[in-house]
Amino acid sequence: MFSMGRNAHLIVLADGGAVQGAYPFTTARTPHRVTLRGHTLNAMCALDALAIAPMFRADTVIESACEVSREPLRIEQAGDRLVGASPTPGMHLGIQWGAKEGVAAHSL
């Protein structure tokens, strides 16, 4: 196993040692689905979903929902460029930071 990843919380193990996530992806169902190279995967969080296209230098489609209104969101990226988003009127992206220490993906 890649020990730095485990120590840096880049790999999340379930009880029994099975891999449940490898940053930025998880096998757990999350609200943030990312289609990448023909595969739809779950991102650990919204920020991770936005980071996948530039990280892999690939086109992605993110499907999620607004945390406040529950309105469906779709974001299309090509590498580090935003190429489409809906709905567009009034769409804002933000992060609600939690604890300053510990693992960000604490729910996995």
Foldseek 3Di string as FASTA:
>chain_A
DPVVCVVVVQWDADPVGHTQHGPQFGVDDDQKWKQWPNDITHGLDPVSNLQVCQVVQAWMWIWGADPVPRHIKIWIARHNGTDDIPPDVPDDDDDDDDDPDDDPSVVD
